Amino acid sequence: MDDSGFSITAEDVADTVLDFVPIAGGVKDIYKGIRDGDGWQVAMGAGFVVLDVFTLGSASLVKGAVKTGVKVGGKALARNAARGVNVASSTGGRVLPMTVQKIIPQGSKISDIVNDVKGMTWMTGNEHAVVRLANGQKAIVSGGSGGISFKHGQIRTLFGHTHPTSAPPSLGDYNALRQLGQSRQYVLHGGQVSLIRH
């Protein structure tokens, strides 16, 4: 078991080994797809069986490697989702847990919210964000000078956040979009506003 609580089971090992065995890996996928009601897995399994027949099994090495990579990547995504989401400046500094600074009243003007966030960032030197909390309320939250960490399920939406320096959007800012299932957010940095998209 690794430090995130995920472990490799005997079934995981058997699945991976079978993925490299011609025809057997495809049959296993068909069986599991039927058992789990997953039409895509049935279709993939059938496709892999046909591919193995026409390539005399040589496709199983590539197929096994690809499927193993997908499984490992899926577990890494699940591990990151369980840990939560971070937004961070690319210049470093402390990333601190989200702290609610202000609940945004309904009907607030966007320009007033932006001015509040910019002012709080300037006064403290810490990153701030405008979010929709898990309970549905909109709020201004803060973190550290290097970023904000959000626990899993703590927020529904990240509308945007600040960097206390002119540092452009970071890789962590883009990853946060993916982890939250969002298509965009705004990053205010050094007097500029960047709209980043996933």
N, C-alpha and C. Protein backbone atom coordinates (compact mmCIF):
# COMPACT_ATOMS: atom_id res chain seq x y z
N MET A 1 0.85 -1.17 0.00
CA MET A 1 0.00 0.00 0.00
C MET A 1 0.90 1.23 0.00
N ASP A 2 0.56 2.25 -0.83
CA ASP A 2 1.36 3.47 -0.84
C ASP A 2 0.79 4.47 0.16
N ASP A 3 1.41 5.65 0.27
CA ASP A 3 1.01 6.64 1.27
C ASP A 3 -0.37 7.23 1.05
N SER A 4 -1.01 7.00 -0.08
CA SER A 4 -2.33 7.56 -0.35
C SER A 4 -3.44 6.59 0.01
N GLY A 5 -3.09 5.36 0.43
CA GLY A 5 -4.10 4.39 0.77
C GLY A 5 -4.48 3.48 -0.38
N PHE A 6 -3.87 3.65 -1.55
CA PHE A 6 -4.15 2.79 -2.69
C PHE A 6 -3.17 1.63 -2.65
N SER A 7 -3.66 0.43 -3.00
CA SER A 7 -2.78 -0.72 -3.00
C SER A 7 -2.98 -1.52 -4.28
N ILE A 8 -2.02 -2.36 -4.58
CA ILE A 8 -2.09 -3.24 -5.75
C ILE A 8 -2.56 -4.59 -5.25
N THR A 9 -3.67 -5.06 -5.81
CA THR A 9 -4.22 -6.35 -5.39
C THR A 9 -3.78 -7.44 -6.35
N ALA A 10 -4.04 -8.69 -5.94
CA ALA A 10 -3.73 -9.82 -6.81
C ALA A 10 -4.55 -9.74 -8.09
N GLU A 11 -5.80 -9.23 -7.99
CA GLU A 11 -6.64 -9.07 -9.19
C GLU A 11 -6.02 -8.06 -10.15
N ASP A 12 -5.43 -6.96 -9.61
CA ASP A 12 -4.76 -5.98 -10.47
C ASP A 12 -3.61 -6.63 -11.23
N VAL A 13 -2.82 -7.46 -10.54
CA VAL A 13 -1.68 -8.13 -11.17
C VAL A 13 -2.18 -9.09 -12.25
N ALA A 14 -3.21 -9.88 -11.93
CA ALA A 14 -3.75 -10.84 -12.90
C ALA A 14 -4.31 -10.10 -14.12
N ASP A 15 -5.03 -9.00 -13.90
CA ASP A 15 -5.56 -8.20 -15.00
C ASP A 15 -4.44 -7.72 -15.92
N THR A 16 -3.38 -7.21 -15.32
CA THR A 16 -2.27 -6.68 -16.10
C THR A 16 -1.59 -7.78 -16.89
N VAL A 17 -1.36 -8.94 -16.27
CA VAL A 17 -0.72 -10.06 -16.97
C VAL A 17 -1.60 -10.51 -18.14
N LEU A 18 -2.91 -10.64 -17.91
CA LEU A 18 -3.81 -11.07 -18.97
C LEU A 18 -3.85 -10.07 -20.13
N ASP A 19 -3.65 -8.79 -19.86
CA ASP A 19 -3.66 -7.79 -20.93
C ASP A 19 -2.56 -8.07 -21.95
N PHE A 20 -1.49 -8.75 -21.54
CA PHE A 20 -0.38 -9.04 -22.44
C PHE A 20 -0.53 -10.39 -23.15
N VAL A 21 -1.53 -11.20 -22.77
CA VAL A 21 -1.72 -12.53 -23.37
C VAL A 21 -2.67 -12.40 -24.57
N PRO A 22 -2.20 -12.83 -25.76
CA PRO A 22 -3.05 -12.74 -26.94
C PRO A 22 -4.41 -13.40 -26.73
N ILE A 23 -5.44 -12.77 -27.21
CA ILE A 23 -6.84 -13.21 -27.19
C ILE A 23 -7.41 -13.24 -25.76
N ALA A 24 -6.69 -13.80 -24.79
CA ALA A 24 -7.21 -13.92 -23.42
C ALA A 24 -7.53 -12.54 -22.82
N GLY A 25 -6.69 -11.55 -23.08
CA GLY A 25 -6.95 -10.22 -22.55
C GLY A 25 -8.24 -9.62 -23.10
N GLY A 26 -8.48 -9.81 -24.39
CA GLY A 26 -9.71 -9.32 -25.00
C GLY A 26 -10.93 -10.04 -24.48
N VAL A 27 -10.82 -11.36 -24.31
CA VAL A 27 -11.93 -12.15 -23.76
C VAL A 27 -12.24 -11.69 -22.34
N LYS A 28 -11.19 -11.43 -21.56
CA LYS A 28 -11.39 -10.93 -20.19
C LYS A 28 -12.15 -9.61 -20.22
N ASP A 29 -11.78 -8.70 -21.14
CA ASP A 29 -12.47 -7.42 -21.25
C ASP A 29 -13.94 -7.60 -21.64
N ILE A 30 -14.20 -8.53 -22.56
CA ILE A 30 -15.60 -8.81 -22.96
C ILE A 30 -16.39 -9.31 -21.74
N TYR A 31 -15.82 -10.25 -21.01
CA TYR A 31 -16.49 -10.81 -19.83
C TYR A 31 -16.79 -9.70 -18.81
N LYS A 32 -15.76 -8.91 -18.47
CA LYS A 32 -15.96 -7.85 -17.47
C LYS A 32 -16.97 -6.80 -17.96
N GLY A 33 -16.94 -6.49 -19.24
CA GLY A 33 -17.88 -5.53 -19.79
C GLY A 33 -19.32 -6.02 -19.68
N ILE A 34 -19.53 -7.30 -19.99
CA ILE A 34 -20.88 -7.88 -19.87
C ILE A 34 -21.30 -7.91 -18.40
N ARG A 35 -20.39 -8.35 -17.55
CA ARG A 35 -20.68 -8.44 -16.11
C ARG A 35 -21.05 -7.08 -15.53
N ASP A 36 -20.30 -6.02 -15.94
CA ASP A 36 -20.50 -4.68 -15.37
C ASP A 36 -21.47 -3.82 -16.18
N GLY A 37 -22.00 -4.37 -17.28
CA GLY A 37 -22.92 -3.59 -18.11
C GLY A 37 -22.23 -2.45 -18.84
N ASP A 38 -20.94 -2.62 -19.18
CA ASP A 38 -20.14 -1.58 -19.83
C ASP A 38 -19.95 -1.94 -21.31
N GLY A 39 -20.80 -1.37 -22.17
CA GLY A 39 -20.74 -1.66 -23.59
C GLY A 39 -19.42 -1.30 -24.23
N TRP A 40 -18.80 -0.20 -23.76
CA TRP A 40 -17.50 0.22 -24.32
C TRP A 40 -16.44 -0.85 -24.06
N GLN A 41 -16.45 -1.42 -22.85
CA GLN A 41 -15.44 -2.44 -22.53
C GLN A 41 -15.67 -3.70 -23.37
N VAL A 42 -16.93 -4.05 -23.61
CA VAL A 42 -17.23 -5.20 -24.47
C VAL A 42 -16.70 -4.94 -25.88
N ALA A 43 -16.99 -3.75 -26.41
CA ALA A 43 -16.53 -3.41 -27.77
C ALA A 43 -15.01 -3.39 -27.85
N MET A 44 -14.35 -2.81 -26.83
CA MET A 44 -12.88 -2.79 -26.83
C MET A 44 -12.32 -4.21 -26.80
N GLY A 45 -12.91 -5.05 -25.94
CA GLY A 45 -12.44 -6.44 -25.85
C GLY A 45 -12.58 -7.16 -27.17
N ALA A 46 -13.73 -6.98 -27.83
CA ALA A 46 -13.95 -7.63 -29.14
C ALA A 46 -12.94 -7.10 -30.16
N GLY A 47 -12.71 -5.80 -30.13
CA GLY A 47 -11.73 -5.21 -31.06
C GLY A 47 -10.33 -5.77 -30.83
N PHE A 48 -9.97 -5.96 -29.54
CA PHE A 48 -8.64 -6.49 -29.23
C PHE A 48 -8.51 -7.95 -29.66
N VAL A 49 -9.59 -8.73 -29.53
CA VAL A 49 -9.55 -10.13 -29.98
C VAL A 49 -9.31 -10.16 -31.49
N VAL A 50 -10.06 -9.36 -32.24
CA VAL A 50 -9.88 -9.30 -33.70
C VAL A 50 -8.46 -8.86 -34.04
N LEU A 51 -7.97 -7.83 -33.35
CA LEU A 51 -6.62 -7.33 -33.59
C LEU A 51 -5.58 -8.41 -33.34
N ASP A 52 -5.76 -9.16 -32.23
CA ASP A 52 -4.82 -10.25 -31.92
C ASP A 52 -4.84 -11.33 -33.00
N VAL A 53 -6.03 -11.67 -33.53
CA VAL A 53 -6.14 -12.69 -34.58
C VAL A 53 -5.39 -12.23 -35.83
N PHE A 54 -5.60 -10.98 -36.24
CA PHE A 54 -4.97 -10.50 -37.48
C PHE A 54 -3.48 -10.20 -37.34
N THR A 55 -3.01 -9.95 -36.13
CA THR A 55 -1.58 -9.67 -35.96
C THR A 55 -0.85 -10.86 -35.34
N LEU A 56 -1.55 -11.98 -35.24
CA LEU A 56 -1.00 -13.21 -34.64
C LEU A 56 -0.49 -12.97 -33.23
N GLY A 57 -1.19 -12.11 -32.52
CA GLY A 57 -0.89 -11.87 -31.11
C GLY A 57 0.13 -10.78 -30.84
N SER A 58 0.81 -10.28 -31.87
CA SER A 58 1.86 -9.28 -31.61
C SER A 58 1.29 -7.96 -31.10
N ALA A 59 0.02 -7.71 -31.36
CA ALA A 59 -0.59 -6.46 -30.87
C ALA A 59 -0.78 -6.49 -29.35
N SER A 60 -0.73 -7.66 -28.73
CA SER A 60 -0.96 -7.77 -27.28
C SER A 60 0.09 -7.04 -26.47
N LEU A 61 1.32 -7.00 -26.96
CA LEU A 61 2.36 -6.28 -26.22
C LEU A 61 2.05 -4.79 -26.16
N VAL A 62 1.69 -4.21 -27.30
CA VAL A 62 1.35 -2.79 -27.33
C VAL A 62 0.07 -2.54 -26.54
N LYS A 63 -0.95 -3.37 -26.76
CA LYS A 63 -2.23 -3.24 -26.06
C LYS A 63 -2.01 -3.32 -24.55
N GLY A 64 -1.24 -4.29 -24.09
CA GLY A 64 -0.99 -4.45 -22.65
C GLY A 64 -0.29 -3.24 -22.06
N ALA A 65 0.69 -2.71 -22.78
CA ALA A 65 1.41 -1.54 -22.28
C ALA A 65 0.48 -0.33 -22.20
N VAL A 66 -0.34 -0.12 -23.25
CA VAL A 66 -1.26 1.02 -23.26
C VAL A 66 -2.28 0.89 -22.13
N LYS A 67 -2.88 -0.30 -21.98
CA LYS A 67 -3.89 -0.49 -20.94
C LYS A 67 -3.28 -0.33 -19.55
N THR A 68 -2.06 -0.80 -19.34
CA THR A 68 -1.40 -0.62 -18.05
C THR A 68 -1.19 0.86 -17.77
N GLY A 69 -0.76 1.61 -18.79
CA GLY A 69 -0.58 3.06 -18.62
C GLY A 69 -1.87 3.76 -18.27
N VAL A 70 -2.97 3.36 -18.91
CA VAL A 70 -4.27 3.96 -18.62
C VAL A 70 -4.70 3.65 -17.19
N LYS A 71 -4.49 2.42 -16.76
CA LYS A 71 -4.87 2.03 -15.39
C LYS A 71 -4.07 2.83 -14.35
N VAL A 72 -2.76 2.93 -14.57
CA VAL A 72 -1.91 3.67 -13.63
C VAL A 72 -2.30 5.15 -13.63
N GLY A 73 -2.54 5.71 -14.81
CA GLY A 73 -2.96 7.12 -14.90
C GLY A 73 -4.29 7.34 -14.21
N GLY A 74 -5.23 6.41 -14.36
CA GLY A 74 -6.53 6.53 -13.70
C GLY A 74 -6.40 6.53 -12.19
N LYS A 75 -5.53 5.66 -11.68
CA LYS A 75 -5.32 5.63 -10.23
C LYS A 75 -4.67 6.93 -9.75
N ALA A 76 -3.75 7.48 -10.54
CA ALA A 76 -3.12 8.75 -10.15
C ALA A 76 -4.15 9.86 -10.11
N LEU A 77 -5.06 9.90 -11.11
CA LEU A 77 -6.12 10.92 -11.10
C LEU A 77 -7.02 10.75 -9.89
N ALA A 78 -7.37 9.52 -9.56
CA ALA A 78 -8.22 9.28 -8.39
C ALA A 78 -7.52 9.71 -7.11
N ARG A 79 -6.21 9.44 -7.04
CA ARG A 79 -5.44 9.82 -5.86
C ARG A 79 -5.42 11.34 -5.71
N ASN A 80 -5.21 12.07 -6.83
CA ASN A 80 -5.20 13.53 -6.78
C ASN A 80 -6.57 14.07 -6.40
N ALA A 81 -7.63 13.46 -6.93
CA ALA A 81 -8.99 13.93 -6.61
C ALA A 81 -9.27 13.73 -5.13
N ALA A 82 -8.79 12.62 -4.56
CA ALA A 82 -9.03 12.36 -3.15
C ALA A 82 -8.27 13.35 -2.27
N ARG A 83 -7.15 13.82 -2.75
CA ARG A 83 -6.34 14.76 -1.98
C ARG A 83 -6.86 16.18 -2.04
N GLY A 84 -7.57 16.54 -3.08
CA GLY A 84 -8.08 17.89 -3.22
C GLY A 84 -7.42 18.61 -4.38
N VAL A 85 -7.55 19.93 -4.37
CA VAL A 85 -7.12 20.77 -5.48
C VAL A 85 -6.25 21.89 -4.94
N ASN A 86 -5.21 22.25 -5.69
CA ASN A 86 -4.38 23.40 -5.34
C ASN A 86 -4.32 24.37 -6.51
N VAL A 87 -4.34 25.66 -6.20
CA VAL A 87 -3.92 26.67 -7.17
C VAL A 87 -2.66 27.28 -6.58
N ALA A 88 -1.71 27.60 -7.44
CA ALA A 88 -0.43 28.04 -6.93
C ALA A 88 0.26 28.98 -7.90
N SER A 89 0.99 29.90 -7.35
CA SER A 89 1.82 30.79 -8.14
C SER A 89 3.05 30.02 -8.58
N SER A 90 3.58 30.35 -9.73
CA SER A 90 4.77 29.66 -10.22
C SER A 90 6.05 30.18 -9.56
N THR A 91 5.93 31.17 -8.67
CA THR A 91 7.12 31.75 -8.03
C THR A 91 7.43 31.13 -6.67
N GLY A 92 6.60 30.20 -6.22
CA GLY A 92 6.84 29.57 -4.93
C GLY A 92 6.10 30.28 -3.81
N GLY A 93 6.51 30.04 -2.58
CA GLY A 93 5.81 30.57 -1.42
C GLY A 93 4.97 29.47 -0.79
N ARG A 94 4.42 29.77 0.37
CA ARG A 94 3.64 28.76 1.10
C ARG A 94 2.25 28.61 0.51
N VAL A 95 1.85 27.38 0.29
CA VAL A 95 0.49 27.04 -0.11
C VAL A 95 -0.23 26.67 1.17
N LEU A 96 -1.28 27.42 1.50
CA LEU A 96 -2.01 27.18 2.75
C LEU A 96 -3.45 26.77 2.47
N PRO A 97 -4.06 26.07 3.43
CA PRO A 97 -5.46 25.65 3.25
C PRO A 97 -6.39 26.85 3.12
N MET A 98 -7.47 26.64 2.39
CA MET A 98 -8.48 27.66 2.18
C MET A 98 -9.05 28.15 3.50
N THR A 99 -9.15 29.47 3.64
CA THR A 99 -9.81 30.11 4.77
C THR A 99 -10.84 31.08 4.22
N VAL A 100 -12.09 30.95 4.65
CA VAL A 100 -13.14 31.86 4.18
C VAL A 100 -12.91 33.24 4.78
N GLN A 101 -12.82 34.24 3.91
CA GLN A 101 -12.63 35.62 4.35
C GLN A 101 -13.93 36.41 4.34
N LYS A 102 -14.81 36.07 3.38
CA LYS A 102 -16.04 36.85 3.24
C LYS A 102 -17.05 36.05 2.43
N ILE A 103 -18.28 35.98 2.92
CA ILE A 103 -19.37 35.42 2.14
C ILE A 103 -19.88 36.56 1.25
N ILE A 104 -20.03 36.27 -0.04
CA ILE A 104 -20.45 37.30 -1.00
C ILE A 104 -21.97 37.37 -1.01
N PRO A 105 -22.53 38.54 -0.67
CA PRO A 105 -23.99 38.67 -0.68
C PRO A 105 -24.55 38.54 -2.10
N GLN A 106 -25.75 37.96 -2.21
CA GLN A 106 -26.41 37.88 -3.51
C GLN A 106 -26.58 39.28 -4.08
N GLY A 107 -26.44 39.39 -5.39
CA GLY A 107 -26.61 40.67 -6.05
C GLY A 107 -25.38 41.55 -6.05
N SER A 108 -24.25 41.06 -5.51
CA SER A 108 -23.02 41.85 -5.50
C SER A 108 -22.53 42.08 -6.92
N LYS A 109 -21.97 43.26 -7.16
CA LYS A 109 -21.43 43.57 -8.48
C LYS A 109 -20.07 42.89 -8.65
N ILE A 110 -19.83 42.40 -9.85
CA ILE A 110 -18.56 41.74 -10.13
C ILE A 110 -17.40 42.69 -9.89
N SER A 111 -17.54 43.96 -10.29
CA SER A 111 -16.45 44.92 -10.10
C SER A 111 -16.13 45.09 -8.62
N ASP A 112 -17.14 45.07 -7.74
CA ASP A 112 -16.89 45.18 -6.30
C ASP A 112 -16.16 43.95 -5.77
N ILE A 113 -16.54 42.77 -6.26
CA ILE A 113 -15.89 41.53 -5.83
C ILE A 113 -14.43 41.54 -6.27
N VAL A 114 -14.17 41.92 -7.51
CA VAL A 114 -12.80 41.97 -8.03
C VAL A 114 -11.97 42.96 -7.21
N ASN A 115 -12.53 44.13 -6.91
CA ASN A 115 -11.80 45.12 -6.09
C ASN A 115 -11.51 44.58 -4.69
N ASP A 116 -12.47 43.86 -4.09
CA ASP A 116 -12.23 43.26 -2.77
C ASP A 116 -11.07 42.26 -2.82
N VAL A 117 -11.09 41.39 -3.82
CA VAL A 117 -10.06 40.35 -3.95
C VAL A 117 -8.69 40.99 -4.17
N LYS A 118 -8.63 41.97 -5.06
CA LYS A 118 -7.35 42.65 -5.33
C LYS A 118 -6.84 43.35 -4.07
N GLY A 119 -7.73 44.03 -3.35
CA GLY A 119 -7.33 44.74 -2.13
C GLY A 119 -6.84 43.79 -1.05
N MET A 120 -7.54 42.68 -0.86
CA MET A 120 -7.13 41.70 0.15
C MET A 120 -5.77 41.10 -0.20
N THR A 121 -5.56 40.85 -1.48
CA THR A 121 -4.27 40.30 -1.92
C THR A 121 -3.16 41.31 -1.68
N TRP A 122 -3.40 42.55 -2.01
CA TRP A 122 -2.39 43.60 -1.84
C TRP A 122 -2.07 43.81 -0.36
N MET A 123 -3.10 43.78 0.50
CA MET A 123 -2.90 44.02 1.94
C MET A 123 -2.15 42.87 2.62
N THR A 124 -2.40 41.63 2.20
CA THR A 124 -1.83 40.48 2.92
C THR A 124 -0.65 39.82 2.21
N GLY A 125 -0.56 40.00 0.89
CA GLY A 125 0.48 39.30 0.13
C GLY A 125 0.13 37.83 -0.11
N ASN A 126 -1.11 37.44 0.16
CA ASN A 126 -1.55 36.05 -0.03
C ASN A 126 -2.50 35.94 -1.22
N GLU A 127 -2.55 34.74 -1.78
CA GLU A 127 -3.51 34.50 -2.86
C GLU A 127 -4.92 34.47 -2.29
N HIS A 128 -5.86 34.97 -3.08
CA HIS A 128 -7.28 34.94 -2.74
C HIS A 128 -8.04 34.39 -3.94
N ALA A 129 -9.21 33.82 -3.68
CA ALA A 129 -10.01 33.24 -4.76
C ALA A 129 -11.49 33.53 -4.51
N VAL A 130 -12.23 33.56 -5.61
CA VAL A 130 -13.68 33.64 -5.55
C VAL A 130 -14.19 32.25 -5.91
N VAL A 131 -14.96 31.67 -4.99
CA VAL A 131 -15.40 30.28 -5.16
C VAL A 131 -16.89 30.14 -4.82
N ARG A 132 -17.44 29.02 -5.26
CA ARG A 132 -18.75 28.58 -4.75
C ARG A 132 -18.43 27.44 -3.81
N LEU A 133 -18.80 27.63 -2.54
CA LEU A 133 -18.54 26.62 -1.53
C LEU A 133 -19.44 25.40 -1.74
N ALA A 134 -19.13 24.33 -1.05
CA ALA A 134 -19.93 23.10 -1.15
C ALA A 134 -21.39 23.34 -0.78
N ASN A 135 -21.64 24.31 0.11
CA ASN A 135 -23.02 24.59 0.53
C ASN A 135 -23.76 25.51 -0.44
N GLY A 136 -23.10 25.91 -1.53
CA GLY A 136 -23.73 26.74 -2.55
C GLY A 136 -23.47 28.23 -2.42
N GLN A 137 -22.93 28.68 -1.29
CA GLN A 137 -22.64 30.11 -1.12
C GLN A 137 -21.40 30.51 -1.91
N LYS A 138 -21.41 31.74 -2.43
CA LYS A 138 -20.21 32.29 -3.05
C LYS A 138 -19.40 32.98 -1.96
N ALA A 139 -18.07 32.87 -2.06
CA ALA A 139 -17.22 33.41 -1.00
C ALA A 139 -15.88 33.84 -1.57
N ILE A 140 -15.22 34.74 -0.85
CA ILE A 140 -13.82 35.07 -1.08
C ILE A 140 -13.04 34.30 -0.04
N VAL A 141 -12.05 33.53 -0.51
CA VAL A 141 -11.23 32.73 0.39
C VAL A 141 -9.76 33.10 0.18
N SER A 142 -8.94 32.76 1.17
CA SER A 142 -7.51 33.05 1.05
C SER A 142 -6.70 31.80 1.33
N GLY A 143 -5.43 31.88 0.95
CA GLY A 143 -4.47 30.82 1.22
C GLY A 143 -3.17 31.46 1.66
N GLY A 144 -2.05 30.99 1.12
CA GLY A 144 -0.76 31.56 1.45
C GLY A 144 -0.21 32.37 0.29
N SER A 145 1.01 32.83 0.43
CA SER A 145 1.63 33.65 -0.62
C SER A 145 1.91 32.84 -1.88
N GLY A 146 1.99 31.51 -1.73
CA GLY A 146 2.28 30.66 -2.88
C GLY A 146 1.09 29.92 -3.44
N GLY A 147 -0.05 29.99 -2.75
CA GLY A 147 -1.22 29.30 -3.29
C GLY A 147 -2.25 28.96 -2.24
N ILE A 148 -3.32 28.31 -2.72
CA ILE A 148 -4.44 27.92 -1.87
C ILE A 148 -4.69 26.43 -2.10
N SER A 149 -4.86 25.68 -1.02
CA SER A 149 -5.23 24.27 -1.16
C SER A 149 -6.68 24.12 -0.71
N PHE A 150 -7.42 23.36 -1.51
CA PHE A 150 -8.83 23.08 -1.23
C PHE A 150 -8.96 21.59 -0.96
N LYS A 151 -9.59 21.23 0.15
CA LYS A 151 -9.84 19.82 0.43
C LYS A 151 -10.86 19.29 -0.55
N HIS A 152 -10.82 17.98 -0.77
CA HIS A 152 -11.77 17.33 -1.66
C HIS A 152 -13.20 17.65 -1.21
N GLY A 153 -14.01 18.16 -2.13
CA GLY A 153 -15.41 18.46 -1.85
C GLY A 153 -15.66 19.77 -1.14
N GLN A 154 -14.62 20.54 -0.88
CA GLN A 154 -14.77 21.80 -0.14
C GLN A 154 -15.41 22.90 -0.99
N ILE A 155 -15.13 22.88 -2.30
CA ILE A 155 -15.71 23.88 -3.19
C ILE A 155 -16.35 23.19 -4.38
N ARG A 156 -17.33 23.88 -4.97
CA ARG A 156 -17.96 23.39 -6.20
C ARG A 156 -17.33 24.03 -7.42
N THR A 157 -17.06 25.34 -7.31
CA THR A 157 -16.57 26.10 -8.46
C THR A 157 -15.48 27.06 -8.03
N LEU A 158 -14.45 27.18 -8.86
CA LEU A 158 -13.40 28.17 -8.68
C LEU A 158 -13.55 29.17 -9.82
N PHE A 159 -14.12 30.34 -9.51
CA PHE A 159 -14.35 31.34 -10.55
C PHE A 159 -13.05 32.01 -10.98
N GLY A 160 -12.15 32.23 -10.02
CA GLY A 160 -10.88 32.86 -10.33
C GLY A 160 -10.10 33.08 -9.06
N HIS A 161 -8.83 33.43 -9.23
CA HIS A 161 -7.99 33.71 -8.06
C HIS A 161 -6.88 34.68 -8.44
N THR A 162 -6.20 35.15 -7.41
CA THR A 162 -5.13 36.14 -7.60
C THR A 162 -3.77 35.49 -7.38
N HIS A 163 -2.76 36.11 -7.97
CA HIS A 163 -1.37 35.85 -7.61
C HIS A 163 -0.87 37.17 -7.02
N PRO A 164 -0.19 37.14 -5.89
CA PRO A 164 0.28 38.38 -5.29
C PRO A 164 1.44 39.03 -6.04
N THR A 165 1.93 38.35 -7.07
CA THR A 165 3.01 38.89 -7.89
C THR A 165 2.52 38.96 -9.34
N SER A 166 3.41 39.29 -10.24
CA SER A 166 3.04 39.33 -11.66
C SER A 166 3.19 37.96 -12.32
N ALA A 167 3.41 36.91 -11.52
CA ALA A 167 3.59 35.57 -12.06
C ALA A 167 2.37 35.16 -12.88
N PRO A 168 2.60 34.65 -14.08
CA PRO A 168 1.48 34.23 -14.93
C PRO A 168 0.81 32.98 -14.37
N PRO A 169 -0.32 32.56 -14.95
CA PRO A 169 -0.97 31.32 -14.50
C PRO A 169 0.02 30.15 -14.51
N SER A 170 -0.10 29.31 -13.50
CA SER A 170 0.82 28.19 -13.35
C SER A 170 0.19 26.89 -13.83
N LEU A 171 1.01 25.86 -13.92
CA LEU A 171 0.52 24.54 -14.28
C LEU A 171 -0.53 24.08 -13.27
N GLY A 172 -0.32 24.40 -11.99
CA GLY A 172 -1.30 24.06 -10.96
C GLY A 172 -2.65 24.71 -11.20
N ASP A 173 -2.64 25.92 -11.75
CA ASP A 173 -3.90 26.62 -12.06
C ASP A 173 -4.67 25.87 -13.14
N TYR A 174 -3.95 25.38 -14.15
CA TYR A 174 -4.58 24.61 -15.21
C TYR A 174 -5.06 23.25 -14.68
N ASN A 175 -4.25 22.61 -13.85
CA ASN A 175 -4.63 21.32 -13.29
C ASN A 175 -5.88 21.43 -12.43
N ALA A 176 -6.03 22.56 -11.73
CA ALA A 176 -7.22 22.76 -10.89
C ALA A 176 -8.49 22.71 -11.74
N LEU A 177 -8.43 23.28 -12.95
CA LEU A 177 -9.59 23.23 -13.84
C LEU A 177 -9.97 21.79 -14.15
N ARG A 178 -8.96 21.01 -14.51
CA ARG A 178 -9.20 19.61 -14.86
C ARG A 178 -9.78 18.85 -13.66
N GLN A 179 -9.19 19.05 -12.50
CA GLN A 179 -9.62 18.32 -11.31
C GLN A 179 -11.04 18.71 -10.89
N LEU A 180 -11.42 19.95 -11.12
CA LEU A 180 -12.76 20.41 -10.74
C LEU A 180 -13.78 20.19 -11.85
N GLY A 181 -13.32 19.76 -13.02
CA GLY A 181 -14.22 19.55 -14.14
C GLY A 181 -14.75 20.86 -14.72
N GLN A 182 -13.95 21.90 -14.65
CA GLN A 182 -14.33 23.21 -15.15
C GLN A 182 -13.66 23.48 -16.49
N SER A 183 -14.23 24.42 -17.24
CA SER A 183 -13.64 24.76 -18.53
C SER A 183 -12.78 26.02 -18.45
N ARG A 184 -12.96 26.85 -17.41
CA ARG A 184 -12.18 28.09 -17.36
C ARG A 184 -12.18 28.69 -15.96
N GLN A 185 -11.22 29.59 -15.74
CA GLN A 185 -11.16 30.43 -14.55
C GLN A 185 -10.30 31.65 -14.89
N TYR A 186 -10.44 32.70 -14.09
CA TYR A 186 -9.66 33.92 -14.27
C TYR A 186 -8.53 33.95 -13.26
N VAL A 187 -7.37 34.47 -13.70
CA VAL A 187 -6.23 34.65 -12.81
C VAL A 187 -5.82 36.11 -12.89
N LEU A 188 -5.86 36.80 -11.75
CA LEU A 188 -5.43 38.20 -11.67
C LEU A 188 -3.99 38.21 -11.18
N HIS A 189 -3.10 38.81 -11.96
CA HIS A 189 -1.67 38.79 -11.61
C HIS A 189 -1.01 40.06 -12.12
N GLY A 190 -0.36 40.78 -11.20
CA GLY A 190 0.40 41.98 -11.58
C GLY A 190 -0.39 43.00 -12.40
N GLY A 191 -1.66 43.23 -12.06
CA GLY A 191 -2.46 44.20 -12.78
C GLY A 191 -3.06 43.66 -14.07
N GLN A 192 -2.82 42.40 -14.38
CA GLN A 192 -3.37 41.79 -15.58
C GLN A 192 -4.41 40.74 -15.21
N VAL A 193 -5.29 40.44 -16.15
CA VAL A 193 -6.27 39.37 -15.96
C VAL A 193 -6.08 38.38 -17.10
N SER A 194 -5.88 37.11 -16.75
CA SER A 194 -5.76 36.06 -17.75
C SER A 194 -6.94 35.11 -17.59
N LEU A 195 -7.58 34.79 -18.70
CA LEU A 195 -8.61 33.77 -18.72
C LEU A 195 -7.94 32.49 -19.17
N ILE A 196 -7.92 31.49 -18.30
CA ILE A 196 -7.31 30.22 -18.69
C ILE A 196 -8.41 29.21 -18.92
N ARG A 197 -8.18 28.33 -19.89
CA ARG A 197 -9.19 27.34 -20.30
C ARG A 197 -8.59 25.94 -20.26
N HIS A 198 -9.48 25.00 -20.02
CA HIS A 198 -9.08 23.58 -20.03
C HIS A 198 -9.62 22.94 -21.28
